[in-house]
PDB file of N, CA and C in Angstrom:
ATOM      1  N   UNK A   1      56.469 141.012 135.021  1.00  0.00           N
ATOM      2  CA  UNK A   1      57.859 140.799 135.286  1.00  0.00           C
ATOM      3  C   UNK A   1      58.607 142.078 135.011  1.00  0.00           C
ATOM      4  N   UNK A   2      59.238 142.421 135.989  1.00  0.00           N
ATOM      5  CA  UNK A   2      59.997 143.652 135.923  1.00  0.00           C
ATOM      6  C   UNK A   2      61.484 143.326 135.889  1.00  0.00           C
ATOM      7  N   UNK A   3      62.083 143.628 134.750  1.00  0.00           N
ATOM      8  CA  UNK A   3      63.523 143.407 134.619  1.00  0.00           C
ATOM      9  C   UNK A   3      64.216 144.737 134.678  1.00  0.00           C
ATOM     10  N   UNK A   4      65.231 144.743 135.426  1.00  0.00           N
ATOM     11  CA  UNK A   4      66.015 145.972 135.484  1.00  0.00           C
ATOM     12  C   UNK A   4      67.081 145.910 134.403  1.00  0.00           C
ATOM     13  N   UNK A   5      67.582 147.017 134.042  1.00  0.00           N
ATOM     14  CA  UNK A   5      68.621 147.125 133.015  1.00  0.00           C
ATOM     15  C   UNK A   5      69.864 146.368 133.450  1.00  0.00           C
ATOM     16  N   UNK A   6      70.196 146.407 134.678  1.00  0.00           N
ATOM     17  CA  UNK A   6      71.382 145.715 135.186  1.00  0.00           C
ATOM     18  C   UNK A   6      71.251 144.213 135.051  1.00  0.00           C
ATOM     19  N   UNK A   7      70.052 143.692 135.334  1.00  0.00           N
ATOM     20  CA  UNK A   7      69.825 142.261 135.232  1.00  0.00           C
ATOM     21  C   UNK A   7      69.912 141.812 133.782  1.00  0.00           C
ATOM     22  N   UNK A   8      69.313 142.599 132.892  1.00  0.00           N
ATOM     23  CA  UNK A   8      69.341 142.275 131.464  1.00  0.00           C
ATOM     24  C   UNK A   8      70.780 142.324 130.952  1.00  0.00           C
ATOM     25  N   UNK A   9      71.507 143.338 131.385  1.00  0.00           N
ATOM     26  CA  UNK A   9      72.881 143.448 130.925  1.00  0.00           C
ATOM     27  C   UNK A   9      73.750 142.305 131.462  1.00  0.00           C
ATOM     28  N   UNK A  10      73.483 141.841 132.675  1.00  0.00           N
ATOM     29  CA  UNK A  10      74.229 140.716 133.232  1.00  0.00           C
ATOM     30  C   UNK A  10      73.903 139.443 132.462  1.00  0.00           C
ATOM     31  N   UNK A  11      72.636 139.240 132.150  1.00  0.00           N
ATOM     32  CA  UNK A  11      72.234 138.047 131.383  1.00  0.00           C
ATOM     33  C   UNK A  11      72.867 138.087 129.998  1.00  0.00           C
ATOM     34  N   UNK A  12      72.814 139.270 129.357  1.00  0.00           N
ATOM     35  CA  UNK A  12      73.441 139.410 128.039  1.00  0.00           C
ATOM     36  C   UNK A  12      74.949 139.200 128.115  1.00  0.00           C
ATOM     37  N   UNK A  13      75.559 139.704 129.171  1.00  0.00           N
ATOM     38  CA  UNK A  13      77.002 139.525 129.343  1.00  0.00           C
ATOM     39  C   UNK A  13      77.327 138.044 129.539  1.00  0.00           C
ATOM     40  N   UNK A  14      76.512 137.320 130.309  1.00  0.00           N
ATOM     41  CA  UNK A  14      76.720 135.887 130.507  1.00  0.00           C
ATOM     42  C   UNK A  14      76.559 135.120 129.181  1.00  0.00           C
ATOM     43  N   UNK A  15      75.525 135.490 128.418  1.00  0.00           N
ATOM     44  CA  UNK A  15      75.323 134.844 127.124  1.00  0.00           C
ATOM     45  C   UNK A  15      76.492 135.101 126.184  1.00  0.00           C
ATOM     46  N   UNK A  16      76.937 136.350 126.115  1.00  0.00           N
ATOM     47  CA  UNK A  16      78.082 136.680 125.266  1.00  0.00           C
ATOM     48  C   UNK A  16      79.340 135.952 125.722  1.00  0.00           C
ATOM     49  N   UNK A  17      79.519 135.857 127.029  1.00  0.00           N
ATOM     50  CA  UNK A  17      80.679 135.133 127.552  1.00  0.00           C
ATOM     51  C   UNK A  17      80.603 133.648 127.193  1.00  0.00           C
ATOM     52  N   UNK A  18      79.396 133.086 127.291  1.00  0.00           N
ATOM     53  CA  UNK A  18      79.220 131.680 126.953  1.00  0.00           C
ATOM     54  C   UNK A  18      79.518 131.447 125.459  1.00  0.00           C
ATOM     55  N   UNK A  19      78.983 132.297 124.588  1.00  0.00           N
ATOM     56  CA  UNK A  19      79.263 132.160 123.152  1.00  0.00           C
ATOM     57  C   UNK A  19      80.744 132.363 122.842  1.00  0.00           C
ATOM     58  N   UNK A  20      81.354 133.321 123.511  1.00  0.00           N
ATOM     59  CA  UNK A  20      82.781 133.572 123.324  1.00  0.00           C
ATOM     60  C   UNK A  20      83.599 132.368 123.777  1.00  0.00           C
ATOM     61  N   UNK A  21      83.235 131.804 124.919  1.00  0.00           N
ATOM     62  CA  UNK A  21      83.925 130.627 125.429  1.00  0.00           C
ATOM     63  C   UNK A  21      83.752 129.448 124.459  1.00  0.00           C
ATOM     64  N   UNK A  22      82.506 129.258 123.977  1.00  0.00           N
ATOM     65  CA  UNK A  22      82.253 128.182 123.020  1.00  0.00           C
ATOM     66  C   UNK A  22      83.084 128.360 121.743  1.00  0.00           C
ATOM     67  N   UNK A  23      83.178 129.589 121.257  1.00  0.00           N
ATOM     68  CA  UNK A  23      83.957 129.884 120.049  1.00  0.00           C
ATOM     69  C   UNK A  23      85.439 129.566 120.269  1.00  0.00           C
ATOM     70  N   UNK A  24      85.960 129.933 121.431  1.00  0.00           N
ATOM     71  CA  UNK A  24      87.366 129.644 121.725  1.00  0.00           C
ATOM     72  C   UNK A  24      87.611 128.134 121.845  1.00  0.00           C
ATOM     73  N   UNK A  25      86.696 127.423 122.481  1.00  0.00           N
ATOM     74  CA  UNK A  25      86.842 125.979 122.606  1.00  0.00           C
ATOM     75  C   UNK A  25      86.797 125.322 121.221  1.00  0.00           C
ATOM     76  N   UNK A  26      85.873 125.759 120.390  1.00  0.00           N
ATOM     77  CA  UNK A  26      85.753 125.210 119.037  1.00  0.00           C
ATOM     78  C   UNK A  26      87.005 125.496 118.208  1.00  0.00           C
ATOM     79  N   UNK A  27      87.561 126.694 118.353  1.00  0.00           N
ATOM     80  CA  UNK A  27      88.785 127.049 117.639  1.00  0.00           C
ATOM     81  C   UNK A  27      89.945 126.169 118.086  1.00  0.00           C
ATOM     82  N   UNK A  28      90.058 125.928 119.369  1.00  0.00           N
ATOM     83  CA  UNK A  28      91.126 125.073 119.895  1.00  0.00           C
ATOM     84  C   UNK A  28      90.967 123.630 119.417  1.00  0.00           C
ATOM     85  N   UNK A  29      89.741 123.134 119.390  1.00  0.00           N
ATOM     86  CA  UNK A  29      89.494 121.770 118.912  1.00  0.00           C
ATOM     87  C   UNK A  29      89.884 121.643 117.447  1.00  0.00           C
ATOM     88  N   UNK A  30      89.483 122.625 116.630  1.00  0.00           N
ATOM     89  CA  UNK A  30      89.846 122.605 115.209  1.00  0.00           C
ATOM     90  C   UNK A  30      91.361 122.680 115.033  1.00  0.00           C
ATOM     91  N   UNK A  31      92.016 123.528 115.847  1.00  0.00           N
ATOM     92  CA  UNK A  31      93.471 123.658 115.751  1.00  0.00           C
ATOM     93  C   UNK A  31      94.161 122.356 116.163  1.00  0.00           C
ATOM     94  N   UNK A  32      93.592 121.682 117.146  1.00  0.00           N
ATOM     95  CA  UNK A  32      94.182 120.422 117.593  1.00  0.00           C
ATOM     96  C   UNK A  32      93.993 119.321 116.546  1.00  0.00           C
ATOM     97  N   UNK A  33      92.868 119.357 115.829  1.00  0.00           N
ATOM     98  CA  UNK A  33      92.597 118.336 114.817  1.00  0.00           C
ATOM     99  C   UNK A  33      93.252 118.643 113.472  1.00  0.00           C
ATOM    100  N   UNK A  34      93.670 119.857 113.244  1.00  0.00           N
ATOM    101  CA  UNK A  34      94.226 120.251 111.948  1.00  0.00           C
ATOM    102  C   UNK A  34      95.441 119.411 111.537  1.00  0.00           C
ATOM    103  N   UNK A  35      96.449 119.204 112.395  1.00  0.00           N
ATOM    104  CA  UNK A  35      97.584 118.375 111.978  1.00  0.00           C
ATOM    105  C   UNK A  35      97.170 116.944 111.625  1.00  0.00           C
ATOM    106  N   UNK A  36      96.219 116.417 112.370  1.00  0.00           N
ATOM    107  CA  UNK A  36      95.748 115.073 112.083  1.00  0.00           C
ATOM    108  C   UNK A  36      95.101 115.015 110.708  1.00  0.00           C
ATOM    109  N   UNK A  37      94.261 115.988 110.403  1.00  0.00           N
ATOM    110  CA  UNK A  37      93.614 116.035 109.088  1.00  0.00           C
ATOM    111  C   UNK A  37      94.652 116.188 107.987  1.00  0.00           C
ATOM    112  N   UNK A  38      95.636 117.059 108.215  1.00  0.00           N
ATOM    113  CA  UNK A  38      96.673 117.262 107.206  1.00  0.00           C
ATOM    114  C   UNK A  38      97.458 115.970 106.974  1.00  0.00           C
ATOM    115  N   UNK A  39      97.796 115.268 108.052  1.00  0.00           N
ATOM    116  CA  UNK A  39      98.529 114.015 107.914  1.00  0.00           C
ATOM    117  C   UNK A  39      97.690 112.945 107.213  1.00  0.00           C
ATOM    118  N   UNK A  40      96.407 112.888 107.551  1.00  0.00           N
ATOM    119  CA  UNK A  40      95.535 111.915 106.891  1.00  0.00           C
ATOM    120  C   UNK A  40      95.464 112.187 105.388  1.00  0.00           C
ATOM    121  N   UNK A  41      95.302 113.462 105.015  1.00  0.00           N
ATOM    122  CA  UNK A  41      95.259 113.824 103.598  1.00  0.00           C
ATOM    123  C   UNK A  41      96.580 113.501 102.918  1.00  0.00           C
ATOM    124  N   UNK A  42      97.677 113.790 103.592  1.00  0.00           N
ATOM    125  CA  UNK A  42      98.996 113.537 103.015  1.00  0.00           C
ATOM    126  C   UNK A  42      99.215 112.032 102.815  1.00  0.00           C
ATOM    127  N   UNK A  43      98.836 111.247 103.799  1.00  0.00           N
ATOM    128  CA  UNK A  43      98.987 109.799 103.704  1.00  0.00           C
ATOM    129  C   UNK A  43      98.121 109.246 102.571  1.00  0.00           C
ATOM    130  N   UNK A  44      96.893 109.723 102.450  1.00  0.00           N
ATOM    131  CA  UNK A  44      96.022 109.260 101.367  1.00  0.00           C
ATOM    132  C   UNK A  44      96.621 109.606 100.003  1.00  0.00           C
ATOM    133  N   UNK A  45      97.167 110.804  99.865  1.00  0.00           N
ATOM    134  CA  UNK A  45      97.790 111.194  98.597  1.00  0.00           C
ATOM    135  C   UNK A  45      99.006 110.329  98.287  1.00  0.00           C
ATOM    136  N   UNK A  46      99.831 110.077  99.308  1.00  0.00           N
ATOM    137  CA  UNK A  46     101.013 109.242  99.104  1.00  0.00           C
ATOM    138  C   UNK A  46     100.632 107.801  98.758  1.00  0.00           C
ATOM    139  N   UNK A  47      99.624 107.280  99.433  1.00  0.00           N
ATOM    140  CA  UNK A  47      99.181 105.924  99.133  1.00  0.00           C
ATOM    141  C   UNK A  47      98.653 105.817  97.715  1.00  0.00           C
ATOM    142  N   UNK A  48      97.900 106.817  97.287  1.00  0.00           N
ATOM    143  CA  UNK A  48      97.379 106.798  95.915  1.00  0.00           C
ATOM    144  C   UNK A  48      98.528 106.871  94.916  1.00  0.00           C
ATOM    145  N   UNK A  49      99.494 107.722  95.198  1.00  0.00           N
ATOM    146  CA  UNK A  49     100.642 107.868  94.301  1.00  0.00           C
ATOM    147  C   UNK A  49     101.449 106.586  94.251  1.00  0.00           C
ATOM    148  N   UNK A  50     101.751 106.031  95.415  1.00  0.00           N
ATOM    149  CA  UNK A  50     102.585 104.838  95.442  1.00  0.00           C
ATOM    150  C   UNK A  50     101.860 103.632  94.871  1.00  0.00           C
ATOM    151  N   UNK A  51     100.544 103.547  95.059  1.00  0.00           N
ATOM    152  CA  UNK A  51      99.839 102.393  94.502  1.00  0.00           C
ATOM    153  C   UNK A  51      99.880 102.448  92.981  1.00  0.00           C
ATOM    154  N   UNK A  52      99.703 103.637  92.385  1.00  0.00           N
ATOM    155  CA  UNK A  52      99.817 103.764  90.926  1.00  0.00           C
ATOM    156  C   UNK A  52     101.244 103.461  90.481  1.00  0.00           C
ATOM    157  N   UNK A  53     102.194 103.980  91.231  1.00  0.00           N
ATOM    158  CA  UNK A  53     103.599 103.768  90.893  1.00  0.00           C
ATOM    159  C   UNK A  53     103.961 102.287  90.984  1.00  0.00           C
ATOM    160  N   UNK A  54     103.475 101.619  92.039  1.00  0.00           N
ATOM    161  CA  UNK A  54     103.763 100.205  92.192  1.00  0.00           C
ATOM    162  C   UNK A  54     103.088  99.370  91.105  1.00  0.00           C
ATOM    163  N   UNK A  55     101.882  99.756  90.718  1.00  0.00           N
ATOM    164  CA  UNK A  55     101.214  99.033  89.634  1.00  0.00           C
ATOM    165  C   UNK A  55     102.036  99.128  88.356  1.00  0.00           C
ATOM    166  N   UNK A  56     102.561 100.310  88.067  1.00  0.00           N
ATOM    167  CA  UNK A  56     103.394 100.483  86.876  1.00  0.00           C
ATOM    168  C   UNK A  56     104.680  99.674  86.998  1.00  0.00           C
ATOM    169  N   UNK A  57     105.300  99.712  88.158  1.00  0.00           N
ATOM    170  CA  UNK A  57     106.533  98.958  88.361  1.00  0.00           C
ATOM    171  C   UNK A  57     106.299  97.461  88.210  1.00  0.00           C
ATOM    172  N   UNK A  58     105.217  96.971  88.826  1.00  0.00           N
ATOM    173  CA  UNK A  58     104.943  95.541  88.749  1.00  0.00           C
ATOM    174  C   UNK A  58     104.597  95.114  87.335  1.00  0.00           C
ATOM    175  N   UNK A  59     103.933  95.974  86.591  1.00  0.00           N
ATOM    176  CA  UNK A  59     103.653  95.651  85.189  1.00  0.00           C
ATOM    177  C   UNK A  59     104.967  95.540  84.416  1.00  0.00           C
ATOM    178  N   UNK A  60     105.893  96.450  84.683  1.00  0.00           N
ATOM    179  CA  UNK A  60     107.203  96.395  84.023  1.00  0.00           C
ATOM    180  C   UNK A  60     107.963  95.143  84.454  1.00  0.00           C
ATOM    181  N   UNK A  61     107.892  94.804  85.750  1.00  0.00           N
ATOM    182  CA  UNK A  61     108.566  93.598  86.231  1.00  0.00           C
ATOM    183  C   UNK A  61     107.980  92.350  85.574  1.00  0.00           C
ATOM    184  N   UNK A  62     106.658  92.313  85.460  1.00  0.00           N
ATOM    185  CA  UNK A  62     106.025  91.163  84.820  1.00  0.00           C
ATOM    186  C   UNK A  62     106.508  91.004  83.385  1.00  0.00           C
ATOM    187  N   UNK A  63     106.638  92.118  82.665  1.00  0.00           N
ATOM    188  CA  UNK A  63     107.134  92.050  81.284  1.00  0.00           C
ATOM    189  C   UNK A  63     108.569  91.534  81.256  1.00  0.00           C
ATOM    190  N   UNK A  64     109.398  92.026  82.178  1.00  0.00           N
ATOM    191  CA  UNK A  64     110.788  91.554  82.249  1.00  0.00           C
ATOM    192  C   UNK A  64     110.846  90.065  82.572  1.00  0.00           C
ATOM    193  N   UNK A  65     110.044  89.648  83.544  1.00  0.00           N
ATOM    194  CA  UNK A  65     110.047  88.239  83.935  1.00  0.00           C
ATOM    195  C   UNK A  65     109.558  87.344  82.791  1.00  0.00           C
ATOM    196  N   UNK A  66     108.588  87.826  82.035  1.00  0.00           N
ATOM    197  CA  UNK A  66     108.091  87.041  80.906  1.00  0.00           C
ATOM    198  C   UNK A  66     109.188  86.858  79.859  1.00  0.00           C
ATOM    199  N   UNK A  67     109.902  87.964  79.552  1.00  0.00           N
ATOM    200  CA  UNK A  67     111.009  87.855  78.594  1.00  0.00           C
ATOM    201  C   UNK A  67     112.118  86.950  79.133  1.00  0.00           C
ATOM    202  N   UNK A  68     112.407  87.059  80.423  1.00  0.00           N
ATOM    203  CA  UNK A  68     113.437  86.205  81.025  1.00  0.00           C
ATOM    204  C   UNK A  68     113.033  84.737  80.967  1.00  0.00           C
ATOM    205  N   UNK A  69     111.763  84.464  81.233  1.00  0.00           N
ATOM    206  CA  UNK A  69     111.291  83.085  81.172  1.00  0.00           C
ATOM    207  C   UNK A  69     111.416  82.533  79.756  1.00  0.00           C
ATOM    208  N   UNK A  70     111.084  83.347  78.765  1.00  0.00           N
ATOM    209  CA  UNK A  70     111.224  82.907  77.373  1.00  0.00           C
ATOM    210  C   UNK A  70     112.686  82.609  77.044  1.00  0.00           C
ATOM    211  N   UNK A  71     113.592  83.498  77.486  1.00  0.00           N
ATOM    212  CA  UNK A  71     115.023  83.270  77.234  1.00  0.00           C
ATOM    213  C   UNK A  71     115.524  82.018  77.944  1.00  0.00           C
ATOM    214  N   UNK A  72     115.127  81.837  79.181  1.00  0.00           N
ATOM    215  CA  UNK A  72     115.573  80.662  79.939  1.00  0.00           C
ATOM    216  C   UNK A  72     115.045  79.385  79.298  1.00  0.00           C
ATOM    217  N   UNK A  73     113.790  79.414  78.861  1.00  0.00           N
ATOM    218  CA  UNK A  73     113.223  78.250  78.187  1.00  0.00           C
ATOM    219  C   UNK A  73     113.994  77.931  76.914  1.00  0.00           C
ATOM    220  N   UNK A  74     114.344  78.963  76.162  1.00  0.00           N
ATOM    221  CA  UNK A  74     115.122  78.774  74.939  1.00  0.00           C
ATOM    222  C   UNK A  74     116.510  78.211  75.252  1.00  0.00           C
ATOM    223  N   UNK A  75     117.138  78.716  76.286  1.00  0.00           N
ATOM    224  CA  UNK A  75     118.460  78.232  76.697  1.00  0.00           C
ATOM    225  C   UNK A  75     118.375  76.767  77.122  1.00  0.00           C
ATOM    226  N   UNK A  76     117.334  76.425  77.901  1.00  0.00           N
ATOM    227  CA  UNK A  76     117.172  75.040  78.339  1.00  0.00           C
ATOM    228  C   UNK A  76     116.970  74.109  77.142  1.00  0.00           C
ATOM    229  N   UNK A  77     116.166  74.539  76.180  1.00  0.00           N
ATOM    230  CA  UNK A  77     115.952  73.728  74.981  1.00  0.00           C
ATOM    231  C   UNK A  77     117.256  73.550  74.220  1.00  0.00           C
ATOM    232  N   UNK A  78     118.034  74.627  74.094  1.00  0.00           N
ATOM    233  CA  UNK A  78     119.342  74.542  73.432  1.00  0.00           C
ATOM    234  C   UNK A  78     120.285  73.604  74.147  1.00  0.00           C
ATOM    235  N   UNK A  79     120.268  73.649  75.473  1.00  0.00           N
ATOM    236  CA  UNK A  79     121.109  72.740  76.257  1.00  0.00           C
ATOM    237  C   UNK A  79     120.725  71.284  76.026  1.00  0.00           C
ATOM    238  N   UNK A  80     119.426  71.019  75.961  1.00  0.00           N
ATOM    239  CA  UNK A  80     118.979  69.644  75.724  1.00  0.00           C
ATOM    240  C   UNK A  80     119.461  69.141  74.366  1.00  0.00           C
ATOM    241  N   UNK A  81     119.288  69.974  73.340  1.00  0.00           N
ATOM    242  CA  UNK A  81     119.707  69.570  71.992  1.00  0.00           C
ATOM    243  C   UNK A  81     121.218  69.372  71.941  1.00  0.00           C
ATOM    244  N   UNK A  82     121.956  70.275  72.535  1.00  0.00           N
ATOM    245  CA  UNK A  82     123.422  70.175  72.539  1.00  0.00           C
ATOM    246  C   UNK A  82     123.880  68.928  73.291  1.00  0.00           C
ATOM    247  N   UNK A  83     123.241  68.643  74.413  1.00  0.00           N
ATOM    248  CA  UNK A  83     123.624  67.468  75.193  1.00  0.00           C
ATOM    249  C   UNK A  83     123.298  66.176  74.448  1.00  0.00           C
ATOM    250  N   UNK A  84     122.178  66.160  73.720  1.00  0.00           N
ATOM    251  CA  UNK A  84     121.864  64.975  72.908  1.00  0.00           C
ATOM    252  C   UNK A  84     122.927  64.779  71.818  1.00  0.00           C
ATOM    253  N   UNK A  85     123.330  65.906  71.198  1.00  0.00           N
ATOM    254  CA  UNK A  85     124.356  65.814  70.153  1.00  0.00           C
ATOM    255  C   UNK A  85     125.684  65.340  70.741  1.00  0.00           C
ATOM    256  N   UNK A  86     126.055  65.856  71.895  1.00  0.00           N
ATOM    257  CA  UNK A  86     127.295  65.417  72.541  1.00  0.00           C
ATOM    258  C   UNK A  86     127.234  63.935  72.917  1.00  0.00           C
ATOM    259  N   UNK A  87     126.095  63.510  73.409  1.00  0.00           N
ATOM    260  CA  UNK A  87     125.934  62.099  73.762  1.00  0.00           C
ATOM    261  C   UNK A  87     126.061  61.214  72.528  1.00  0.00           C
ATOM    262  N   UNK A  88     125.464  61.636  71.411  1.00  0.00           N
ATOM    263  CA  UNK A  88     125.571  60.858  70.172  1.00  0.00           C
ATOM    264  C   UNK A  88     127.024  60.816  69.705  1.00  0.00           C
ATOM    265  N   UNK A  89     127.736  61.938  69.808  1.00  0.00           N
ATOM    266  CA  UNK A  89     129.155  61.961  69.435  1.00  0.00           C
ATOM    267  C   UNK A  89     129.971  61.029  70.328  1.00  0.00           C
ATOM    268  N   UNK A  90     129.686  61.045  71.595  1.00  0.00           N
ATOM    269  CA  UNK A  90     130.398  60.193  72.540  1.00  0.00           C
ATOM    270  C   UNK A  90     130.168  58.716  72.226  1.00  0.00           C
ATOM    271  N   UNK A  91     128.919  58.352  71.990  1.00  0.00           N
ATOM    272  CA  UNK A  91     128.614  56.951  71.653  1.00  0.00           C
ATOM    273  C   UNK A  91     129.310  56.544  70.359  1.00  0.00           C
ATOM    274  N   UNK A  92     129.286  57.448  69.386  1.00  0.00           N
ATOM    275  CA  UNK A  92     129.907  57.136  68.093  1.00  0.00           C
ATOM    276  C   UNK A  92     131.430  57.003  68.232  1.00  0.00           C
ATOM    277  N   UNK A  93     132.027  57.866  69.046  1.00  0.00           N
ATOM    278  CA  UNK A  93     133.479  57.813  69.181  1.00  0.00           C
ATOM    279  C   UNK A  93     133.936  56.593  69.981  1.00  0.00           C
ATOM    280  N   UNK A  94     133.067  56.055  70.830  1.00  0.00           N
ATOM    281  CA  UNK A  94     133.440  54.880  71.612  1.00  0.00           C
ATOM    282  C   UNK A  94     133.474  53.627  70.741  1.00  0.00           C
ATOM    283  N   UNK A  95     132.434  53.362  69.992  1.00  0.00           N
ATOM    284  CA  UNK A  95     132.378  52.104  69.252  1.00  0.00           C
ATOM    285  C   UNK A  95     132.241  52.281  67.734  1.00  0.00           C
ATOM    286  N   UNK A  96     132.126  53.485  67.245  1.00  0.00           N
ATOM    287  CA  UNK A  96     132.034  53.721  65.812  1.00  0.00           C
ATOM    288  C   UNK A  96     130.652  53.463  65.259  1.00  0.00           C
ATOM    289  N   UNK A  97     129.743  52.986  66.055  1.00  0.00           N
ATOM    290  CA  UNK A  97     128.372  52.727  65.616  1.00  0.00           C
ATOM    291  C   UNK A  97     127.513  53.962  65.888  1.00  0.00           C
ATOM    292  N   UNK A  98     126.235  53.764  65.931  1.00  0.00           N
ATOM    293  CA  UNK A  98     125.276  54.821  66.239  1.00  0.00           C
ATOM    294  C   UNK A  98     125.319  55.944  65.205  1.00  0.00           C
ATOM    295  N   UNK A  99     125.542  55.625  63.953  1.00  0.00           N
ATOM    296  CA  UNK A  99     125.621  56.637  62.894  1.00  0.00           C
ATOM    297  C   UNK A  99     124.262  57.289  62.684  1.00  0.00           C
ATOM    298  N   UNK A 100     123.195  56.524  62.731  1.00  0.00           N
ATOM    299  CA  UNK A 100     121.856  57.070  62.538  1.00  0.00           C
ATOM    300  C   UNK A 100     121.501  58.035  63.677  1.00  0.00           C
ATOM    301  N   UNK A 101     121.844  57.646  64.894  1.00  0.00           N
ATOM    302  CA  UNK A 101     121.582  58.524  66.042  1.00  0.00           C
ATOM    303  C   UNK A 101     122.388  59.813  65.918  1.00  0.00           C
ATOM    304  N   UNK A 102     123.621  59.690  65.429  1.00  0.00           N
ATOM    305  CA  UNK A 102     124.477  60.860  65.217  1.00  0.00           C
ATOM    306  C   UNK A 102     123.866  61.771  64.167  1.00  0.00           C
ATOM    307  N   UNK A 103     123.315  61.197  63.098  1.00  0.00           N
ATOM    308  CA  UNK A 103     122.668  62.003  62.051  1.00  0.00           C
ATOM    309  C   UNK A 103     121.429  62.711  62.598  1.00  0.00           C
ATOM    310  N   UNK A 104     120.623  62.015  63.411  1.00  0.00           N
ATOM    311  CA  UNK A 104     119.436  62.627  64.019  1.00  0.00           C
ATOM    312  C   UNK A 104     119.825  63.787  64.940  1.00  0.00           C
ATOM    313  N   UNK A 105     120.853  63.583  65.727  1.00  0.00           N
ATOM    314  CA  UNK A 105     121.304  64.631  66.653  1.00  0.00           C
ATOM    315  C   UNK A 105     121.832  65.824  65.873  1.00  0.00           C
ATOM    316  N   UNK A 106     122.549  65.559  64.791  1.00  0.00           N
ATOM    317  CA  UNK A 106     123.080  66.637  63.962  1.00  0.00           C
ATOM    318  C   UNK A 106     121.940  67.430  63.334  1.00  0.00           C
ATOM    319  N   UNK A 107     120.932  66.711  62.855  1.00  0.00           N
ATOM    320  CA  UNK A 107     119.774  67.380  62.245  1.00  0.00           C
ATOM    321  C   UNK A 107     119.025  68.221  63.290  1.00  0.00           C
ATOM    322  N   UNK A 108     118.825  67.678  64.484  1.00  0.00           N
ATOM    323  CA  UNK A 108     118.109  68.412  65.551  1.00  0.00           C
ATOM    324  C   UNK A 108     118.895  69.654  65.956  1.00  0.00           C
ATOM    325  N   UNK A 109     120.208  69.522  66.063  1.00  0.00           N
ATOM    326  CA  UNK A 109     121.044  70.663  66.433  1.00  0.00           C
ATOM    327  C   UNK A 109     121.004  71.728  65.346  1.00  0.00           C
ATOM    328  N   UNK A 110     121.062  71.302  64.093  1.00  0.00           N
ATOM    329  CA  UNK A 110     121.022  72.245  62.970  1.00  0.00           C
ATOM    330  C   UNK A 110     119.674  72.988  62.957  1.00  0.00           C
ATOM    331  N   UNK A 111     118.597  72.241  63.117  1.00  0.00           N
ATOM    332  CA  UNK A 111     117.262  72.875  63.120  1.00  0.00           C
ATOM    333  C   UNK A 111     117.136  73.866  64.279  1.00  0.00           C
ATOM    334  N   UNK A 112     117.622  73.472  65.443  1.00  0.00           N
ATOM    335  CA  UNK A 112     117.529  74.386  66.596  1.00  0.00           C
ATOM    336  C   UNK A 112     118.322  75.667  66.325  1.00  0.00           C
ATOM    337  N   UNK A 113     119.522  75.548  65.800  1.00  0.00           N
ATOM    338  CA  UNK A 113     120.351  76.723  65.562  1.00  0.00           C
ATOM    339  C   UNK A 113     119.779  77.615  64.460  1.00  0.00           C
ATOM    340  N   UNK A 114     119.146  77.022  63.476  1.00  0.00           N
ATOM    341  CA  UNK A 114     118.554  77.813  62.401  1.00  0.00           C
ATOM    342  C   UNK A 114     117.282  78.508  62.880  1.00  0.00           C
ATOM    343  N   UNK A 115     116.437  77.829  63.623  1.00  0.00           N
ATOM    344  CA  UNK A 115     115.180  78.403  64.090  1.00  0.00           C
ATOM    345  C   UNK A 115     115.369  79.433  65.182  1.00  0.00           C
ATOM    346  N   UNK A 116     116.433  79.386  65.841  1.00  0.00           N
ATOM    347  CA  UNK A 116     116.727  80.298  66.952  1.00  0.00           C
ATOM    348  C   UNK A 116     116.929  81.638  66.416  1.00  0.00           C
TER     349      UNK A 116
END
């Protein structure tokens, strides 16, 4: 096989052109994908940050809600005791009887106010 210098140089030039073309295509593909990769990384970082932040917020909310529930329960219990005492006073003022019930209501109200 006899190759002339011109033929070899043309083949080498074609190979170099092909590699150069491939390099340019690869560079363009990477450049086109770069914003997508950056956005994906940014979104992952934000999601990680917000999930930690939300976990902390929800833990704080749970603590607040627990304290609120305790206060509301205490208020409801106080309302029940007060209403029983008012009912006993009302019954006593109507007919003058129900002294024992009035004493029980007074004792329950006193205990609630002291324990509170």
